[in-house]
Structure formats: structure tokens, C-alpha cells
Amino acid sequence: MDCLKFSDWLENRDLYDVSEADVAVKHAESCKECQAKLRFDEHLDKFIYNALRKEDMPRSLPGNIDLSLDRMSDNRSKMSYRWFGAFSAAVAVMAVFVITMTFSPSIPSIDDMGKYVIADNNHHGDAVLVVDKLENLGTLGKIEVSSEEIMGQLPQGYSFVGARICPLGECDAIHMVFRHDNKRISLYLINTEDVDFSLSPERRYSLAEGSQTIHFWKKGKYIYAMVG
């Protein structure tokens, strides 16, 4: 792939075409100009995501829905009670459905998380890493864990290479790359609020995806996922 084709891919890329993405990333690793374009695009994705990300459901919303249904009930003199009861029930079911769909967590199961982690780890080279010092992770967004705490989760001998924001499904996660005995290790930091399953903080979990194994554990407000 040359620079012209890379620019065309970056502007019109198909997110489901993994093979073309792999070729483009490999080109960026050998071309500083295209590498800069890719990093800028990563930052742009982050800003757009943060601008459009979902907000928490207001605590008053369920009460407001009930209050609205009660007010409708007071004005139903021209409706039959049976018809209005069915109508109210339908409105309530639709409201619950919309709320559930809108505010449901991003990652429904640990299996889904494993697939997202493997896909991201296999198809993003180190050229897309935009942070080169672990203590600068805060530049990627609000992170409530220190670099010392992160290193404390890893065995001795791990050296930090870089980090980036990455999407895991609809979740905004931190992808960190380390080196250990000349081996590349990926560590993902996922907010527990973005998953719909729970992990015991006292245990470590593993999940096999093809020839790769992912290790999961929970610490504080985050789930760690390591593969490499």
C-alpha cells in the first residue's frame, strides 16, 4: 500500500475489512507522514466519542414517567377504563424498553470482551500508540488509577512501550503495550461501569480465543484484560 492508497483507506475505511486495515497499519509503521495521519485520526475518534458518549439516566426519570401516566389517568373520562389500562401498560413497557436499550452497558459478557480484546490486539500495530510514558495516561482521558498501581498488577520485568484509546464494542478503553523477555504484551483497562457482568476482585480469570489466552481480573473501578 502506498501513501495515496493509505489516505484513501483512512477517509473511506471499512471497519469490517480487517485484512485491509492490517495492510494500512503496517504501511503506517514505515511511513512517518501516514503514521501522523493515523494518530490524528485516533485522537479525532476519541474527541467525537467523548462528545457523543451516553449520559447516565437521570434518577428522576422513572418518577417523571409514573407522574405523567398518573396525569393521563386523571383525564381519561372519554376513554373506556379497559382501553386506557391497556394503553398505559403499553406506554410503560415502551418506556422501560427505550430506557433499557439506551442505557444498557456496552459489553454484555466476558466472552464478548474476549473477542473485542483479541480483535484489537491482533489488528493494531504499535504505530497507533500515542502516549509513550505510562505516567501520561491522563492525556487520554479521566483515569482514576496511578501508573504505580498499574505496574503493581504486573510481574517484574515489564517495560512500558505506549498506549492509546481503543474501542471495545461501544466501550472506550485504554490499550497499553508492554515488553517482557522480547515479547509484546497488551494490557487493556476497562471501566467496570461499561460491562454487564461482574468479576470477583479476589480471583483471576482466563479465556481461550483460538491459540491465544486472555487473563482478566478486577481491581478498584477497572477490569484488566491481558493478552500476549
C-alpha atoms as a PDB file:
ATOM      1  CA  MET A   1       0.000   0.000   0.000  1.00  0.00           C
ATOM      2  CA  ASP A   2       1.360   3.446  -0.914  1.00  0.00           C
ATOM      3  CA  CYS A   3       0.623   6.807   0.752  1.00  0.00           C
ATOM      4  CA  LEU A   4      -2.190   7.697  -1.653  1.00  0.00           C
ATOM      5  CA  LYS A   5      -3.993   4.408  -1.070  1.00  0.00           C
ATOM      6  CA  PHE A   6      -3.433   4.801   2.689  1.00  0.00           C
ATOM      7  CA  SER A   7      -5.077   8.235   2.688  1.00  0.00           C
ATOM      8  CA  ASP A   8      -7.979   6.859   0.678  1.00  0.00           C
ATOM      9  CA  TRP A   9      -8.353   3.966   3.168  1.00  0.00           C
ATOM     10  CA  LEU A  10      -8.252   6.354   6.138  1.00  0.00           C
ATOM     11  CA  GLU A  11     -11.023   8.514   4.664  1.00  0.00           C
ATOM     12  CA  ASN A  12     -13.256   5.677   3.443  1.00  0.00           C
ATOM     13  CA  ARG A  13     -12.217   2.658   5.515  1.00  0.00           C
ATOM     14  CA  ASP A  14     -14.486  -0.297   6.034  1.00  0.00           C
ATOM     15  CA  LEU A  15     -14.323  -1.139   9.756  1.00  0.00           C
ATOM     16  CA  TYR A  16     -15.223  -4.750   8.991  1.00  0.00           C
ATOM     17  CA  ASP A  17     -12.403  -5.281   6.472  1.00  0.00           C
ATOM     18  CA  VAL A  18      -9.677  -6.466   8.841  1.00  0.00           C
ATOM     19  CA  SER A  19      -7.233  -7.516   6.117  1.00  0.00           C
ATOM     20  CA  GLU A  20      -7.066  -4.043   4.559  1.00  0.00           C
ATOM     21  CA  ALA A  21      -6.719  -2.430   7.993  1.00  0.00           C
ATOM     22  CA  ASP A  22      -3.742  -4.680   8.730  1.00  0.00           C
ATOM     23  CA  VAL A  23      -2.018  -3.669   5.490  1.00  0.00           C
ATOM     24  CA  ALA A  24      -2.680   0.013   6.214  1.00  0.00           C
ATOM     25  CA  VAL A  25      -1.270  -0.177   9.752  1.00  0.00           C
ATOM     26  CA  LYS A  26       1.868  -1.937   8.507  1.00  0.00           C
ATOM     27  CA  HIS A  27       2.344   0.853   5.943  1.00  0.00           C
ATOM     28  CA  ALA A  28       1.946   3.496   8.679  1.00  0.00           C
ATOM     29  CA  GLU A  29       4.686   1.801  10.729  1.00  0.00           C
ATOM     30  CA  SER A  30       7.150   2.508   7.929  1.00  0.00           C
ATOM     31  CA  CYS A  31       5.902   5.978   6.910  1.00  0.00           C
ATOM     32  CA  LYS A  32       6.113   8.851   9.407  1.00  0.00           C
ATOM     33  CA  GLU A  33       3.677  11.049   7.462  1.00  0.00           C
ATOM     34  CA  CYS A  34       0.967   8.376   7.335  1.00  0.00           C
ATOM     35  CA  GLN A  35       1.719   7.439  10.933  1.00  0.00           C
ATOM     36  CA  ALA A  36       0.975  11.048  11.947  1.00  0.00           C
ATOM     37  CA  LYS A  37      -2.288  10.952   9.986  1.00  0.00           C
ATOM     38  CA  LEU A  38      -3.303   7.751  11.741  1.00  0.00           C
ATOM     39  CA  ARG A  39      -2.520   9.182  15.175  1.00  0.00           C
ATOM     40  CA  PHE A  40      -4.506  12.321  14.395  1.00  0.00           C
ATOM     41  CA  ASP A  41      -7.425  10.166  13.279  1.00  0.00           C
ATOM     42  CA  GLU A  42      -7.234   8.186  16.553  1.00  0.00           C
ATOM     43  CA  HIS A  43      -7.376  11.434  18.548  1.00  0.00           C
ATOM     44  CA  LEU A  44     -10.275  12.667  16.424  1.00  0.00           C
ATOM     45  CA  ASP A  45     -12.206   9.439  17.062  1.00  0.00           C
ATOM     46  CA  LYS A  46     -11.632   9.912  20.784  1.00  0.00           C
ATOM     47  CA  PHE A  47     -12.922  13.505  20.775  1.00  0.00           C
ATOM     48  CA  ILE A  48     -16.011  12.558  18.734  1.00  0.00           C
ATOM     49  CA  TYR A  49     -16.738   9.608  21.015  1.00  0.00           C
ATOM     50  CA  ASN A  50     -16.431  11.724  24.162  1.00  0.00           C
ATOM     51  CA  ALA A  51     -18.682  14.391  22.648  1.00  0.00           C
ATOM     52  CA  LEU A  52     -21.405  11.880  21.772  1.00  0.00           C
ATOM     53  CA  ARG A  53     -20.986   9.347  24.585  1.00  0.00           C
ATOM     54  CA  LYS A  54     -24.030   8.294  26.545  1.00  0.00           C
ATOM     55  CA  GLU A  55     -25.021  10.097  29.726  1.00  0.00           C
ATOM     56  CA  ASP A  56     -26.266   8.420  32.873  1.00  0.00           C
ATOM     57  CA  MET A  57     -30.029   8.114  33.222  1.00  0.00           C
ATOM     58  CA  PRO A  58     -31.399  10.893  35.479  1.00  0.00           C
ATOM     59  CA  ARG A  59     -32.594   9.465  38.794  1.00  0.00           C
ATOM     60  CA  SER A  60     -35.836  11.397  38.456  1.00  0.00           C
ATOM     61  CA  LEU A  61     -36.778   9.844  35.093  1.00  0.00           C
ATOM     62  CA  PRO A  62     -38.750   6.787  36.381  1.00  0.00           C
ATOM     63  CA  GLY A  63     -40.699   9.022  38.753  1.00  0.00           C
ATOM     64  CA  ASN A  64     -41.461  11.508  35.992  1.00  0.00           C
ATOM     65  CA  ILE A  65     -42.780   8.683  33.804  1.00  0.00           C
ATOM     66  CA  ASP A  66     -45.075   7.481  36.599  1.00  0.00           C
ATOM     67  CA  LEU A  67     -46.247  11.043  37.240  1.00  0.00           C
ATOM     68  CA  SER A  68     -47.037  11.560  33.555  1.00  0.00           C
ATOM     69  CA  LEU A  69     -49.032   8.313  33.482  1.00  0.00           C
ATOM     70  CA  ASP A  70     -50.967   9.421  36.583  1.00  0.00           C
ATOM     71  CA  ARG A  71     -51.837  12.763  34.970  1.00  0.00           C
ATOM     72  CA  MET A  72     -53.029  10.968  31.847  1.00  0.00           C
ATOM     73  CA  SER A  73     -55.154   8.749  34.094  1.00  0.00           C
ATOM     74  CA  ASP A  74     -56.954  11.801  35.553  1.00  0.00           C
ATOM     75  CA  ASN A  75     -58.049  12.906  32.065  1.00  0.00           C
ATOM     76  CA  ARG A  76     -59.357   9.631  30.701  1.00  0.00           C
ATOM     77  CA  SER A  77     -63.088  10.394  31.135  1.00  0.00           C
ATOM     78  CA  LYS A  78     -63.795   9.833  27.444  1.00  0.00           C
ATOM     79  CA  MET A  79     -61.940   6.543  27.299  1.00  0.00           C
ATOM     80  CA  SER A  80     -63.073   3.188  28.484  1.00  0.00           C
ATOM     81  CA  TYR A  81     -61.149   2.003  31.543  1.00  0.00           C
ATOM     82  CA  ARG A  82     -60.081  -1.205  29.809  1.00  0.00           C
ATOM     83  CA  TRP A  83     -58.717   0.615  26.739  1.00  0.00           C
ATOM     84  CA  PHE A  84     -56.865   3.160  28.844  1.00  0.00           C
ATOM     85  CA  GLY A  85     -55.384   0.460  31.062  1.00  0.00           C
ATOM     86  CA  ALA A  86     -54.010  -1.323  28.017  1.00  0.00           C
ATOM     87  CA  PHE A  87     -52.710   1.967  26.606  1.00  0.00           C
ATOM     88  CA  SER A  88     -50.964   2.879  29.886  1.00  0.00           C
ATOM     89  CA  ALA A  89     -49.384  -0.551  30.116  1.00  0.00           C
ATOM     90  CA  ALA A  90     -48.134  -0.276  26.545  1.00  0.00           C
ATOM     91  CA  VAL A  91     -46.628   3.162  27.220  1.00  0.00           C
ATOM     92  CA  ALA A  92     -44.937   1.869  30.367  1.00  0.00           C
ATOM     93  CA  VAL A  93     -43.483  -1.154  28.539  1.00  0.00           C
ATOM     94  CA  MET A  94     -42.212   1.060  25.704  1.00  0.00           C
ATOM     95  CA  ALA A  95     -40.640   3.485  28.192  1.00  0.00           C
ATOM     96  CA  VAL A  96     -38.836   0.678  30.017  1.00  0.00           C
ATOM     97  CA  PHE A  97     -37.690  -0.800  26.689  1.00  0.00           C
ATOM     98  CA  VAL A  98     -36.307   2.534  25.468  1.00  0.00           C
ATOM     99  CA  ILE A  99     -34.551   3.203  28.773  1.00  0.00           C
ATOM    100  CA  THR A 100     -33.029  -0.285  28.796  1.00  0.00           C
ATOM    101  CA  MET A 101     -31.812  -0.063  25.201  1.00  0.00           C
ATOM    102  CA  THR A 102     -30.420   3.458  25.650  1.00  0.00           C
ATOM    103  CA  PHE A 103     -28.599   2.994  28.906  1.00  0.00           C
ATOM    104  CA  SER A 104     -27.544  -0.678  28.745  1.00  0.00           C
ATOM    105  CA  PRO A 105     -23.823  -1.333  29.374  1.00  0.00           C
ATOM    106  CA  SER A 106     -21.504  -1.572  26.408  1.00  0.00           C
ATOM    107  CA  ILE A 107     -20.122  -5.107  26.857  1.00  0.00           C
ATOM    108  CA  PRO A 108     -22.731  -7.772  27.723  1.00  0.00           C
ATOM    109  CA  SER A 109     -20.473 -10.739  28.595  1.00  0.00           C
ATOM    110  CA  ILE A 110     -16.901 -11.784  29.282  1.00  0.00           C
ATOM    111  CA  ASP A 111     -16.935 -13.778  26.026  1.00  0.00           C
ATOM    112  CA  ASP A 112     -17.755 -10.617  24.076  1.00  0.00           C
ATOM    113  CA  MET A 113     -14.976  -8.753  25.844  1.00  0.00           C
ATOM    114  CA  GLY A 114     -12.539 -11.535  24.944  1.00  0.00           C
ATOM    115  CA  LYS A 115     -13.449 -11.299  21.260  1.00  0.00           C
ATOM    116  CA  TYR A 116     -13.066  -7.500  21.282  1.00  0.00           C
ATOM    117  CA  VAL A 117      -9.672  -7.702  23.006  1.00  0.00           C
ATOM    118  CA  ILE A 118      -8.296 -10.328  20.611  1.00  0.00           C
ATOM    119  CA  ALA A 119      -9.538  -8.438  17.550  1.00  0.00           C
ATOM    120  CA  ASP A 120      -7.995  -5.156  18.704  1.00  0.00           C
ATOM    121  CA  ASN A 121      -4.718  -6.750  19.799  1.00  0.00           C
ATOM    122  CA  ASN A 122      -4.247  -8.593  16.503  1.00  0.00           C
ATOM    123  CA  HIS A 123      -5.079  -5.764  14.142  1.00  0.00           C
ATOM    124  CA  HIS A 124      -3.469  -2.642  15.611  1.00  0.00           C
ATOM    125  CA  GLY A 125       0.283  -2.204  15.383  1.00  0.00           C
ATOM    126  CA  ASP A 126       2.406  -0.099  17.724  1.00  0.00           C
ATOM    127  CA  ALA A 127       2.357   2.783  15.234  1.00  0.00           C
ATOM    128  CA  VAL A 128      -1.035   3.854  16.588  1.00  0.00           C
ATOM    129  CA  LEU A 129       0.246   4.310  20.165  1.00  0.00           C
ATOM    130  CA  VAL A 130       0.023   7.993  21.096  1.00  0.00           C
ATOM    131  CA  VAL A 131       1.315   8.007  24.711  1.00  0.00           C
ATOM    132  CA  ASP A 132       4.936   6.978  25.273  1.00  0.00           C
ATOM    133  CA  LYS A 133       5.103   7.370  29.072  1.00  0.00           C
ATOM    134  CA  LEU A 134       2.886   5.485  31.493  1.00  0.00           C
ATOM    135  CA  GLU A 135       2.572   8.495  33.799  1.00  0.00           C
ATOM    136  CA  ASN A 136       0.988  10.432  30.912  1.00  0.00           C
ATOM    137  CA  LEU A 137      -2.050   8.139  30.565  1.00  0.00           C
ATOM    138  CA  GLY A 138      -4.190  11.004  31.860  1.00  0.00           C
ATOM    139  CA  THR A 139      -3.834  12.737  28.500  1.00  0.00           C
ATOM    140  CA  LEU A 140      -6.147  10.055  27.075  1.00  0.00           C
ATOM    141  CA  GLY A 141      -8.976  10.998  29.436  1.00  0.00           C
ATOM    142  CA  LYS A 142     -10.011  10.783  33.078  1.00  0.00           C
ATOM    143  CA  ILE A 143      -8.220   7.796  34.652  1.00  0.00           C
ATOM    144  CA  GLU A 144      -8.657   7.004  38.339  1.00  0.00           C
ATOM    145  CA  VAL A 145      -5.598   4.790  38.757  1.00  0.00           C
ATOM    146  CA  SER A 146      -1.915   5.705  39.003  1.00  0.00           C
ATOM    147  CA  SER A 147       0.938   4.354  36.910  1.00  0.00           C
ATOM    148  CA  GLU A 148       2.367   2.769  40.082  1.00  0.00           C
ATOM    149  CA  GLU A 149      -0.893   0.890  40.682  1.00  0.00           C
ATOM    150  CA  ILE A 150      -0.913  -0.381  37.091  1.00  0.00           C
ATOM    151  CA  MET A 151       2.682  -1.611  37.294  1.00  0.00           C
ATOM    152  CA  GLY A 152       1.811  -3.257  40.605  1.00  0.00           C
ATOM    153  CA  GLN A 153      -0.621  -5.507  38.706  1.00  0.00           C
ATOM    154  CA  LEU A 154       2.191  -6.892  36.525  1.00  0.00           C
ATOM    155  CA  PRO A 155       5.115  -9.224  37.236  1.00  0.00           C
ATOM    156  CA  GLN A 156       8.642  -7.828  37.452  1.00  0.00           C
ATOM    157  CA  GLY A 157      10.485  -7.079  34.230  1.00  0.00           C
ATOM    158  CA  TYR A 158       7.656  -5.473  32.237  1.00  0.00           C
ATOM    159  CA  SER A 159       8.626  -2.297  30.340  1.00  0.00           C
ATOM    160  CA  PHE A 160       6.067   0.177  29.015  1.00  0.00           C
ATOM    161  CA  VAL A 161       6.027   0.796  25.239  1.00  0.00           C
ATOM    162  CA  GLY A 162       2.987   3.017  24.670  1.00  0.00           C
ATOM    163  CA  ALA A 163      -0.774   3.434  24.975  1.00  0.00           C
ATOM    164  CA  ARG A 164      -3.837   4.572  23.078  1.00  0.00           C
ATOM    165  CA  ILE A 165      -7.603   4.878  23.340  1.00  0.00           C
ATOM    166  CA  CYS A 166      -9.388   1.979  21.661  1.00  0.00           C
ATOM    167  CA  PRO A 167     -12.998   0.896  21.181  1.00  0.00           C
ATOM    168  CA  LEU A 168     -14.064  -2.460  22.630  1.00  0.00           C
ATOM    169  CA  GLY A 169     -17.551  -2.782  21.228  1.00  0.00           C
ATOM    170  CA  GLU A 170     -19.113   0.543  22.231  1.00  0.00           C
ATOM    171  CA  CYS A 171     -16.790   0.917  25.221  1.00  0.00           C
ATOM    172  CA  ASP A 172     -13.935   3.418  25.460  1.00  0.00           C
ATOM    173  CA  ALA A 173     -10.905   1.514  26.819  1.00  0.00           C
ATOM    174  CA  ILE A 174      -7.187   2.127  27.307  1.00  0.00           C
ATOM    175  CA  HIS A 175      -4.843  -0.179  25.383  1.00  0.00           C
ATOM    176  CA  MET A 176      -1.328  -0.348  26.868  1.00  0.00           C
ATOM    177  CA  VAL A 177       1.577  -2.221  25.281  1.00  0.00           C
ATOM    178  CA  PHE A 178       4.458  -3.670  27.311  1.00  0.00           C
ATOM    179  CA  ARG A 179       7.578  -5.727  26.557  1.00  0.00           C
ATOM    180  CA  HIS A 180       8.712  -8.713  28.588  1.00  0.00           C
ATOM    181  CA  ASP A 181      11.524 -11.038  27.506  1.00  0.00           C
ATOM    182  CA  ASN A 182      11.277  -9.596  23.959  1.00  0.00           C
ATOM    183  CA  LYS A 183       7.584 -10.466  23.878  1.00  0.00           C
ATOM    184  CA  ARG A 184       4.808  -7.975  23.166  1.00  0.00           C
ATOM    185  CA  ILE A 185       2.093  -7.859  25.852  1.00  0.00           C
ATOM    186  CA  SER A 186      -1.202  -5.959  25.584  1.00  0.00           C
ATOM    187  CA  LEU A 187      -2.987  -4.762  28.721  1.00  0.00           C
ATOM    188  CA  TYR A 188      -6.492  -3.280  28.466  1.00  0.00           C
ATOM    189  CA  LEU A 189      -8.041  -1.073  31.133  1.00  0.00           C
ATOM    190  CA  ILE A 190     -11.872  -1.150  31.064  1.00  0.00           C
ATOM    191  CA  ASN A 191     -14.192   0.761  33.391  1.00  0.00           C
ATOM    192  CA  THR A 192     -16.458  -1.610  35.345  1.00  0.00           C
ATOM    193  CA  GLU A 193     -19.417   0.672  34.545  1.00  0.00           C
ATOM    194  CA  ASP A 194     -19.064  -0.318  30.890  1.00  0.00           C
ATOM    195  CA  VAL A 195     -19.676  -4.040  31.370  1.00  0.00           C
ATOM    196  CA  ASP A 196     -22.786  -6.073  32.192  1.00  0.00           C
ATOM    197  CA  PHE A 197     -21.083  -8.839  34.150  1.00  0.00           C
ATOM    198  CA  SER A 198     -19.239  -8.994  37.451  1.00  0.00           C
ATOM    199  CA  LEU A 199     -15.845 -10.365  38.456  1.00  0.00           C
ATOM    200  CA  SER A 200     -14.703 -11.170  41.960  1.00  0.00           C
ATOM    201  CA  PRO A 201     -11.763  -8.934  42.974  1.00  0.00           C
ATOM    202  CA  GLU A 202     -10.298 -11.945  44.765  1.00  0.00           C
ATOM    203  CA  ARG A 203      -9.910 -14.086  41.633  1.00  0.00           C
ATOM    204  CA  ARG A 204      -8.216 -14.060  38.238  1.00  0.00           C
ATOM    205  CA  TYR A 205      -9.937 -15.452  35.171  1.00  0.00           C
ATOM    206  CA  SER A 206      -8.690 -16.787  31.841  1.00  0.00           C
ATOM    207  CA  LEU A 207     -10.417 -17.205  28.496  1.00  0.00           C
ATOM    208  CA  ALA A 208      -9.056 -19.017  25.426  1.00  0.00           C
ATOM    209  CA  GLU A 209      -9.728 -17.496  21.997  1.00  0.00           C
ATOM    210  CA  GLY A 210      -8.150 -19.672  19.312  1.00  0.00           C
ATOM    211  CA  SER A 211      -4.444 -20.009  20.096  1.00  0.00           C
ATOM    212  CA  GLN A 212      -4.444 -17.007  22.454  1.00  0.00           C
ATOM    213  CA  THR A 213      -5.370 -16.773  26.128  1.00  0.00           C
ATOM    214  CA  ILE A 214      -6.708 -13.650  27.817  1.00  0.00           C
ATOM    215  CA  HIS A 215      -6.345 -13.102  31.550  1.00  0.00           C
ATOM    216  CA  PHE A 216      -8.963 -10.970  33.334  1.00  0.00           C
ATOM    217  CA  TRP A 217      -9.114  -9.516  36.811  1.00  0.00           C
ATOM    218  CA  LYS A 218     -10.843  -6.686  38.647  1.00  0.00           C
ATOM    219  CA  LYS A 219      -9.097  -4.010  40.703  1.00  0.00           C
ATOM    220  CA  GLY A 220     -10.938  -0.989  42.020  1.00  0.00           C
ATOM    221  CA  LYS A 221     -13.076   0.643  39.337  1.00  0.00           C
ATOM    222  CA  TYR A 222     -11.406  -1.205  36.462  1.00  0.00           C
ATOM    223  CA  ILE A 223     -11.241  -4.573  34.770  1.00  0.00           C
ATOM    224  CA  TYR A 224      -7.800  -5.521  33.439  1.00  0.00           C
ATOM    225  CA  ALA A 225      -7.512  -7.762  30.368  1.00  0.00           C
ATOM    226  CA  MET A 226      -4.038  -9.016  29.381  1.00  0.00           C
ATOM    227  CA  VAL A 227      -3.027 -10.932  26.267  1.00  0.00           C
ATOM    228  CA  GLY A 228       0.306 -11.568  24.591  1.00  0.00           C
END
